[in-house]
């Protein structure tokens, strides 16, 4: 073969190889930039499992925060990166534990972690925040048995929000014969840590295609948090549809709400649930909001979590977050009526104090460690329009937790 022909063939082969390699790397870059393979740990996944790996910029009437979620779907760094810490704590709960309304560094779990590591060389204590919006005690229990115990925690902290953790709890019965997972499931899809030339995203995509599984999801990077929450645009039409009223009834109802507040609702700057809930306040309550089964199931979930921890000699702490109505009832009632259009205070709020007292007495009888934040918090610790704790409130929670758990996590 003439030299020129051989050189041309070599050049052609090189060009084809370079073209294929460049295309593969470009495809890998595209997939890494806009897609991901979530490794959701929790059996309950809010947002239709869209949270793992997502990024939101949430601008509300009272705060502007960043919400970053790890591969497991929690507002935390990836859990696998913290498994080797000498001491580990896990926080279970809903949006109050997740720290909705404040940046990560200003929520109770992070404040606790920072304080416990203050006098240490390097990180000696890692805190895993497994708070999930929309969840309740049954989900906290599932998270504890599915992966919480497997993290080998030295302390388990569970947050209970009186405002809605008892709602519909009669549907959430702890199953008989449940099993506790003792080993943390280390996933093989730590794809972001692998170099580009390994084309790990492309290979995983091909493998999932061959396995006939849809594992890949679009990465969320958005400032439309409530749109993703409800799956719809948040505007006047959304609230009209949610109201179940005719047009005249709807307009009469929202006419009692200040125009500036309506603008915030229609632009997604206030949690839409406050306005949608106010529509229900026009109807007479048929009876008590909570049944005996609601209360019993929540108590059972707490006890099972406590029992699982006590079997393994893991200290267990229940932190009780009161509803704003329990902390400042007069001011909150006026706020609901003047700003959200409530015709009357919901019975579900009026019943909370009796349930709260029953819970405190039951915890005392069962000798379960708890912190009752109703005695600690005041109106200045809450966002009035959002209902969650502000940075000042989160600091108070962290201080209370630290005072209780320091003897349990002393590091030599």
Protein backbone atom coordinates (compact mmCIF):
# COMPACT_ATOMS: atom_id res chain seq x y z
CA UNK A 1 0.00 0.00 0.00
CA UNK A 2 1.43 3.41 -0.93
CA UNK A 3 2.52 5.56 1.99
CA UNK A 4 0.15 8.38 1.06
CA UNK A 5 -2.84 6.00 1.10
CA UNK A 6 -1.78 4.55 4.46
CA UNK A 7 -1.36 8.02 5.91
CA UNK A 8 -4.75 9.04 4.60
CA UNK A 9 -6.35 5.95 6.19
CA UNK A 10 -4.62 6.70 9.48
CA UNK A 11 -5.79 10.29 9.35
CA UNK A 12 -9.34 9.20 8.52
CA UNK A 13 -9.34 6.72 11.42
CA UNK A 14 -7.98 9.42 13.75
CA UNK A 15 -10.61 11.92 12.58
CA UNK A 16 -13.43 9.41 13.02
CA UNK A 17 -12.15 8.43 16.47
CA UNK A 18 -11.81 12.07 17.46
CA UNK A 19 -15.29 12.84 16.16
CA UNK A 20 -16.86 9.92 18.03
CA UNK A 21 -14.93 10.77 21.21
CA UNK A 22 -15.94 14.43 20.99
CA UNK A 23 -19.57 13.48 20.41
CA UNK A 24 -19.55 11.10 23.38
CA UNK A 25 -18.01 13.74 25.64
CA UNK A 26 -20.51 16.35 24.39
CA UNK A 27 -23.36 13.93 25.10
CA UNK A 28 -21.92 13.23 28.56
CA UNK A 29 -21.70 16.98 29.27
CA UNK A 30 -25.28 17.52 28.11
CA UNK A 31 -26.64 14.71 30.29
CA UNK A 32 -24.68 15.83 33.37
CA UNK A 33 -25.79 19.42 32.91
CA UNK A 34 -29.50 18.85 32.41
CA UNK A 35 -30.31 15.36 33.73
CA UNK A 36 -29.49 13.09 36.65
CA UNK A 37 -30.12 9.62 38.07
CA UNK A 38 -31.74 10.13 41.49
CA UNK A 39 -31.02 7.71 44.33
CA UNK A 40 -34.08 8.36 46.45
CA UNK A 41 -33.77 6.70 49.88
CA UNK A 42 -37.21 7.54 51.23
CA UNK A 43 -40.28 5.46 50.38
CA UNK A 44 -42.31 8.69 50.40
CA UNK A 45 -41.14 11.16 47.76
CA UNK A 46 -42.75 14.61 47.61
CA UNK A 47 -42.90 16.36 44.23
CA UNK A 48 -43.31 13.03 42.40
CA UNK A 49 -39.64 12.19 43.10
CA UNK A 50 -38.46 15.39 41.42
CA UNK A 51 -36.58 16.68 44.46
CA UNK A 52 -33.34 14.62 44.25
CA UNK A 53 -30.64 16.80 42.74
CA UNK A 54 -32.92 19.81 42.33
CA UNK A 55 -32.25 23.51 42.94
CA UNK A 56 -34.89 26.12 43.76
CA UNK A 57 -34.67 29.81 44.45
CA UNK A 58 -37.74 30.48 46.57
CA UNK A 59 -38.77 34.13 46.82
CA UNK A 60 -41.58 34.68 49.29
CA UNK A 61 -43.22 37.65 50.94
CA UNK A 62 -41.08 37.23 54.06
CA UNK A 63 -37.91 35.49 52.86
CA UNK A 64 -35.71 34.62 49.89
CA UNK A 65 -33.88 31.29 50.21
CA UNK A 66 -32.04 28.66 48.20
CA UNK A 67 -33.30 25.08 48.36
CA UNK A 68 -30.67 22.54 47.26
CA UNK A 69 -31.52 18.83 47.44
CA UNK A 70 -29.02 15.98 47.41
CA UNK A 71 -29.16 12.78 45.35
CA UNK A 72 -31.32 11.17 48.04
CA UNK A 73 -33.91 13.97 47.86
CA UNK A 74 -33.07 15.73 51.13
CA UNK A 75 -31.96 19.29 51.76
CA UNK A 76 -28.46 18.28 52.75
CA UNK A 77 -25.15 17.23 51.25
CA UNK A 78 -25.02 13.66 49.92
CA UNK A 79 -25.32 11.28 52.87
CA UNK A 80 -22.56 8.98 51.61
CA UNK A 81 -20.01 11.76 52.10
CA UNK A 82 -20.67 11.93 55.86
CA UNK A 83 -20.82 8.26 56.82
CA UNK A 84 -17.31 8.12 58.31
CA UNK A 85 -17.84 10.79 60.99
CA UNK A 86 -16.98 9.60 64.53
CA UNK A 87 -20.37 10.81 65.78
CA UNK A 88 -23.59 10.98 63.76
CA UNK A 89 -27.03 12.47 64.41
CA UNK A 90 -30.13 12.17 62.27
CA UNK A 91 -33.02 14.65 62.26
CA UNK A 92 -36.38 13.32 61.06
CA UNK A 93 -39.46 15.42 60.49
CA UNK A 94 -41.31 17.66 58.06
CA UNK A 95 -40.67 21.17 56.74
CA UNK A 96 -39.93 22.47 60.26
CA UNK A 97 -36.96 20.08 60.48
CA UNK A 98 -36.03 20.73 56.86
CA UNK A 99 -35.76 24.40 57.81
CA UNK A 100 -38.27 25.80 55.35
CA UNK A 101 -37.94 29.58 55.40
CA UNK A 102 -34.26 29.86 56.32
CA UNK A 103 -30.97 29.05 54.61
CA UNK A 104 -29.40 25.70 55.51
CA UNK A 105 -26.76 27.19 57.79
CA UNK A 106 -29.47 28.91 59.86
CA UNK A 107 -31.67 25.91 60.60
CA UNK A 108 -31.54 23.99 63.86
CA UNK A 109 -29.76 20.87 62.56
CA UNK A 110 -26.91 22.85 61.04
CA UNK A 111 -26.60 25.10 64.09
CA UNK A 112 -26.35 21.99 66.27
CA UNK A 113 -23.69 20.48 64.02
CA UNK A 114 -21.65 23.69 63.93
CA UNK A 115 -21.74 24.08 67.70
CA UNK A 116 -20.79 20.45 68.39
CA UNK A 117 -17.82 20.74 66.02
CA UNK A 118 -16.71 24.16 67.29
CA UNK A 119 -13.87 22.94 69.49
CA UNK A 120 -12.86 19.98 67.33
CA UNK A 121 -10.10 19.53 64.80
CA UNK A 122 -11.95 18.64 61.63
CA UNK A 123 -15.50 17.33 61.58
CA UNK A 124 -16.16 14.98 64.46
CA UNK A 125 -19.97 15.19 64.34
CA UNK A 126 -22.12 14.89 61.22
CA UNK A 127 -25.81 15.69 61.24
CA UNK A 128 -28.07 14.13 58.61
CA UNK A 129 -31.17 16.22 57.92
CA UNK A 130 -33.94 13.94 56.60
CA UNK A 131 -36.74 16.47 56.88
CA UNK A 132 -39.37 16.22 54.15
CA UNK A 133 -42.07 18.69 53.26
CA UNK A 134 -45.62 17.19 53.16
CA UNK A 135 -44.63 14.28 55.40
CA UNK A 136 -45.91 13.07 58.78
CA UNK A 137 -45.03 10.72 61.67
CA UNK A 138 -45.65 7.58 59.61
CA UNK A 139 -43.09 8.79 57.06
CA UNK A 140 -40.59 9.64 59.81
CA UNK A 141 -40.98 6.06 61.03
CA UNK A 142 -40.44 4.64 57.53
CA UNK A 143 -37.33 6.76 57.03
CA UNK A 144 -35.96 5.57 60.36
CA UNK A 145 -36.35 1.88 59.52
CA UNK A 146 -35.39 2.16 55.82
CA UNK A 147 -32.15 4.09 56.23
CA UNK A 148 -32.02 6.04 59.50
CA UNK A 149 -30.80 3.21 61.72
CA UNK A 150 -28.47 2.08 58.94
CA UNK A 151 -26.62 5.39 59.26
CA UNK A 152 -25.51 4.17 62.72
CA UNK A 153 -26.64 7.36 64.48
CA UNK A 154 -25.54 8.22 68.00
CA UNK A 155 -28.72 10.29 68.48
CA UNK A 156 -32.10 10.34 66.73
CA UNK A 157 -34.05 13.62 66.82
CA UNK A 158 -37.65 13.63 65.59
CA UNK A 159 -39.64 16.81 65.06
CA UNK A 160 -43.43 16.65 65.46
CA UNK A 161 -45.47 19.58 64.12
CA UNK A 162 -48.75 19.90 65.97
CA UNK A 163 -50.24 21.95 63.13
CA UNK A 164 -50.81 19.07 60.71
CA UNK A 165 -49.04 15.88 61.83
CA UNK A 166 -52.29 14.47 63.22
CA UNK A 167 -54.36 15.19 60.09
CA UNK A 168 -55.54 12.01 58.37
CA UNK A 169 -53.18 9.93 60.54
CA UNK A 170 -55.84 7.18 60.83
CA UNK A 171 -54.73 6.12 57.33
CA UNK A 172 -51.15 5.57 58.52
CA UNK A 173 -51.05 2.41 60.62
CA UNK A 174 -47.65 0.98 61.56
CA UNK A 175 -47.47 -2.47 59.89
CA UNK A 176 -46.96 -5.62 61.90
CA UNK A 177 -43.71 -7.48 61.35
CA UNK A 178 -41.81 -4.53 59.88
CA UNK A 179 -38.08 -4.98 59.38
CA UNK A 180 -35.36 -2.48 60.24
CA UNK A 181 -32.57 -2.13 57.69
CA UNK A 182 -29.25 -2.25 59.54
CA UNK A 183 -26.88 -1.68 56.62
CA UNK A 184 -26.84 1.55 54.68
CA UNK A 185 -27.42 0.93 50.94
CA UNK A 186 -24.34 2.26 49.18
CA UNK A 187 -25.45 3.10 45.67
CA UNK A 188 -23.31 2.41 42.64
CA UNK A 189 -24.56 5.46 40.76
CA UNK A 190 -22.18 8.05 42.24
CA UNK A 191 -21.87 9.34 38.71
CA UNK A 192 -21.05 12.98 39.30
CA UNK A 193 -17.78 12.04 41.01
CA UNK A 194 -16.49 10.10 38.01
CA UNK A 195 -14.35 11.85 35.33
CA UNK A 196 -15.92 12.87 32.03
CA UNK A 197 -13.88 10.41 29.99
CA UNK A 198 -15.62 7.55 31.82
CA UNK A 199 -18.93 8.68 30.16
CA UNK A 200 -20.73 7.25 33.19
CA UNK A 201 -24.00 9.04 32.43
CA UNK A 202 -24.15 7.72 28.88
CA UNK A 203 -23.33 4.17 29.94
CA UNK A 204 -25.92 4.25 32.74
CA UNK A 205 -28.51 5.61 30.30
CA UNK A 206 -27.79 2.80 27.84
CA UNK A 207 -27.94 0.19 30.61
CA UNK A 208 -31.26 1.52 31.92
CA UNK A 209 -32.61 1.43 28.35
CA UNK A 210 -31.52 -2.21 27.98
CA UNK A 211 -33.10 -3.00 31.37
CA UNK A 212 -36.29 -1.24 30.22
CA UNK A 213 -36.14 1.11 33.21
CA UNK A 214 -36.65 4.86 33.21
CA UNK A 215 -34.01 5.99 35.69
CA UNK A 216 -33.06 9.38 34.28
CA UNK A 217 -34.79 12.63 35.22
CA UNK A 218 -34.45 16.25 34.16
CA UNK A 219 -32.56 18.38 36.67
CA UNK A 220 -34.74 21.07 38.22
CA UNK A 221 -33.25 24.54 38.46
CA UNK A 222 -36.12 26.91 38.97
CA UNK A 223 -37.70 29.75 40.91
CA UNK A 224 -41.16 28.19 40.41
CA UNK A 225 -41.30 26.13 43.60
CA UNK A 226 -45.06 26.12 44.06
CA UNK A 227 -45.61 25.34 40.39
CA UNK A 228 -43.64 22.14 40.86
CA UNK A 229 -45.40 21.46 44.15
CA UNK A 230 -48.90 21.61 42.63
CA UNK A 231 -48.03 20.83 39.03
CA UNK A 232 -49.87 23.97 37.86
CA UNK A 233 -49.28 27.66 37.32
CA UNK A 234 -50.09 29.62 40.47
CA UNK A 235 -52.46 32.41 39.46
CA UNK A 236 -56.05 33.58 39.91
CA UNK A 237 -57.40 30.72 37.77
CA UNK A 238 -55.58 28.17 39.94
CA UNK A 239 -57.27 29.45 43.10
CA UNK A 240 -60.67 29.69 41.42
CA UNK A 241 -60.38 26.04 40.39
CA UNK A 242 -59.26 25.00 43.88
CA UNK A 243 -62.09 26.91 45.57
CA UNK A 244 -64.91 24.76 44.25
CA UNK A 245 -67.03 27.93 44.21
CA UNK A 246 -68.91 29.61 41.42
CA UNK A 247 -67.43 32.84 40.08
CA UNK A 248 -69.57 35.14 42.24
CA UNK A 249 -68.83 33.22 45.45
CA UNK A 250 -65.12 33.22 44.66
CA UNK A 251 -64.97 36.95 43.98
CA UNK A 252 -66.96 37.70 47.14
CA UNK A 253 -64.59 35.56 49.18
CA UNK A 254 -61.35 37.09 47.93
CA UNK A 255 -62.80 40.64 48.13
CA UNK A 256 -62.23 40.47 51.90
CA UNK A 257 -58.48 39.94 51.43
CA UNK A 258 -56.11 42.92 51.07
CA UNK A 259 -55.15 43.54 47.45
CA UNK A 260 -51.42 43.37 48.19
CA UNK A 261 -51.86 39.94 49.82
CA UNK A 262 -53.88 38.70 46.85
CA UNK A 263 -51.11 39.84 44.52
CA UNK A 264 -48.64 37.83 46.60
CA UNK A 265 -50.87 34.75 46.45
CA UNK A 266 -51.45 35.04 42.69
CA UNK A 267 -47.71 35.42 42.05
CA UNK A 268 -46.69 32.51 44.29
CA UNK A 269 -45.11 34.66 47.01
CA UNK A 270 -47.21 33.07 49.78
CA UNK A 271 -47.81 29.34 50.30
CA UNK A 272 -51.01 28.75 48.28
CA UNK A 273 -52.40 26.35 50.91
CA UNK A 274 -53.36 29.27 53.16
CA UNK A 275 -55.77 30.70 50.63
CA UNK A 276 -57.08 27.32 49.47
CA UNK A 277 -57.70 26.36 53.12
CA UNK A 278 -59.65 29.57 53.69
CA UNK A 279 -62.25 28.39 51.18
CA UNK A 280 -63.07 25.51 53.54
CA UNK A 281 -63.63 27.92 56.42
CA UNK A 282 -66.90 28.98 54.80
CA UNK A 283 -68.37 25.55 55.53
CA UNK A 284 -69.62 24.32 58.89
CA UNK A 285 -67.52 21.57 60.46
CA UNK A 286 -69.34 18.23 60.69
CA UNK A 287 -67.53 17.21 63.86
CA UNK A 288 -64.10 17.01 65.51
CA UNK A 289 -61.22 17.36 63.06
CA UNK A 290 -59.22 14.55 64.66
CA UNK A 291 -60.41 11.06 65.42
CA UNK A 292 -59.15 8.78 68.17
CA UNK A 293 -57.38 6.75 65.48
CA UNK A 294 -55.55 9.86 64.25
CA UNK A 295 -54.15 10.45 67.72
CA UNK A 296 -53.43 6.79 68.50
CA UNK A 297 -51.57 6.26 65.21
CA UNK A 298 -49.31 9.25 65.82
CA UNK A 299 -48.59 8.07 69.37
CA UNK A 300 -47.88 4.57 68.03
CA UNK A 301 -45.46 5.91 65.41
CA UNK A 302 -43.59 7.87 68.08
CA UNK A 303 -43.43 4.88 70.38
CA UNK A 304 -42.19 2.52 67.66
CA UNK A 305 -39.39 4.94 66.77
CA UNK A 306 -38.48 5.28 70.44
CA UNK A 307 -38.59 1.48 70.89
CA UNK A 308 -36.39 0.83 67.84
CA UNK A 309 -33.81 3.29 69.18
CA UNK A 310 -33.95 2.03 72.76
CA UNK A 311 -33.34 -1.55 71.56
CA UNK A 312 -30.07 -0.34 70.07
CA UNK A 313 -29.25 2.00 72.98
CA UNK A 314 -29.57 5.06 70.71
CA UNK A 315 -30.81 8.17 72.57
CA UNK A 316 -34.15 9.36 71.15
CA UNK A 317 -35.46 12.91 71.41
CA UNK A 318 -38.90 14.17 70.34
CA UNK A 319 -39.11 17.90 69.60
CA UNK A 320 -42.66 19.25 69.61
CA UNK A 321 -43.24 22.20 67.28
CA UNK A 322 -46.47 24.03 68.17
CA UNK A 323 -48.78 25.62 65.63
CA UNK A 324 -48.56 29.44 65.53
CA UNK A 325 -52.17 29.41 66.76
CA UNK A 326 -51.07 27.68 69.96
CA UNK A 327 -48.32 30.24 70.62
CA UNK A 328 -50.20 33.46 69.85
CA UNK A 329 -53.89 32.54 69.34
CA UNK A 330 -55.42 36.03 69.35
CA UNK A 331 -52.94 37.55 66.92
CA UNK A 332 -53.01 34.51 64.64
CA UNK A 333 -56.81 34.39 64.56
CA UNK A 334 -56.95 38.05 63.56
CA UNK A 335 -54.29 37.43 60.92
CA UNK A 336 -56.20 34.51 59.38
CA UNK A 337 -59.39 36.54 59.14
CA UNK A 338 -57.94 39.86 57.99
CA UNK A 339 -55.24 38.65 55.60
CA UNK A 340 -56.30 35.19 54.40
CA UNK A 341 -60.07 35.50 54.23
CA UNK A 342 -60.93 32.94 56.90
CA UNK A 343 -64.51 33.29 58.10
CA UNK A 344 -63.64 31.55 61.35
CA UNK A 345 -60.72 29.80 63.00
CA UNK A 346 -60.59 26.15 61.86
CA UNK A 347 -61.68 23.61 64.46
CA UNK A 348 -58.47 21.68 63.73
CA UNK A 349 -56.52 24.53 65.34
CA UNK A 350 -58.82 24.86 68.34
CA UNK A 351 -58.42 21.16 69.16
CA UNK A 352 -54.63 21.22 69.23
CA UNK A 353 -54.08 22.32 72.82
CA UNK A 354 -56.03 19.35 74.22
CA UNK A 355 -54.11 16.94 72.00
CA UNK A 356 -50.88 18.67 72.98
CA UNK A 357 -51.59 18.19 76.68
CA UNK A 358 -52.48 14.54 76.15
CA UNK A 359 -49.22 14.06 74.24
CA UNK A 360 -47.11 15.65 76.98
CA UNK A 361 -48.73 13.46 79.63
CA UNK A 362 -48.30 10.32 77.53
CA UNK A 363 -44.61 11.09 76.91
CA UNK A 364 -44.13 11.54 80.66
CA UNK A 365 -45.73 8.18 81.41
CA UNK A 366 -43.66 6.40 78.75
CA UNK A 367 -40.47 8.21 79.89
CA UNK A 368 -39.71 9.42 76.35
CA UNK A 369 -37.34 12.38 76.21
CA UNK A 370 -38.98 15.42 74.65
CA UNK A 371 -38.73 19.18 74.26
CA UNK A 372 -41.97 21.15 74.32
CA UNK A 373 -41.31 24.26 72.25
CA UNK A 374 -44.69 25.73 73.14
CA UNK A 375 -43.05 26.93 76.34
CA UNK A 376 -40.09 28.41 74.43
CA UNK A 377 -41.34 30.10 71.24
CA UNK A 378 -43.23 33.36 70.79
CA UNK A 379 -44.68 35.44 67.97
CA UNK A 380 -41.29 36.90 67.04
CA UNK A 381 -39.99 33.43 66.16
CA UNK A 382 -42.47 32.80 63.32
CA UNK A 383 -43.06 34.14 59.84
CA UNK A 384 -46.62 35.37 60.14
CA UNK A 385 -47.61 34.81 56.50
CA UNK A 386 -45.66 31.60 56.00
CA UNK A 387 -46.19 29.97 59.40
CA UNK A 388 -42.70 28.46 59.67
CA UNK A 389 -39.93 29.46 62.05
CA UNK A 390 -37.58 32.28 61.14
CA UNK A 391 -33.85 32.29 61.93
CA UNK A 392 -34.48 33.47 65.49
CA UNK A 393 -36.90 30.61 66.08
CA UNK A 394 -34.51 28.06 64.58
CA UNK A 395 -31.76 29.33 66.88
CA UNK A 396 -33.98 28.78 69.91
CA UNK A 397 -34.75 25.24 68.75
CA UNK A 398 -31.05 24.48 68.26
CA UNK A 399 -30.24 25.84 71.71
CA UNK A 400 -32.84 23.61 73.34
CA UNK A 401 -31.65 20.53 71.45
CA UNK A 402 -28.01 21.21 72.29
CA UNK A 403 -28.76 21.53 75.99
CA UNK A 404 -30.42 18.11 75.92
CA UNK A 405 -28.07 16.11 73.72
CA UNK A 406 -24.60 17.36 74.67
CA UNK A 407 -24.06 14.56 77.23
CA UNK A 408 -25.05 12.02 74.58
CA UNK A 409 -22.54 13.09 71.93
CA UNK A 410 -19.45 14.09 73.85
CA UNK A 411 -16.41 13.47 71.71
CA UNK A 412 -13.12 12.56 73.36
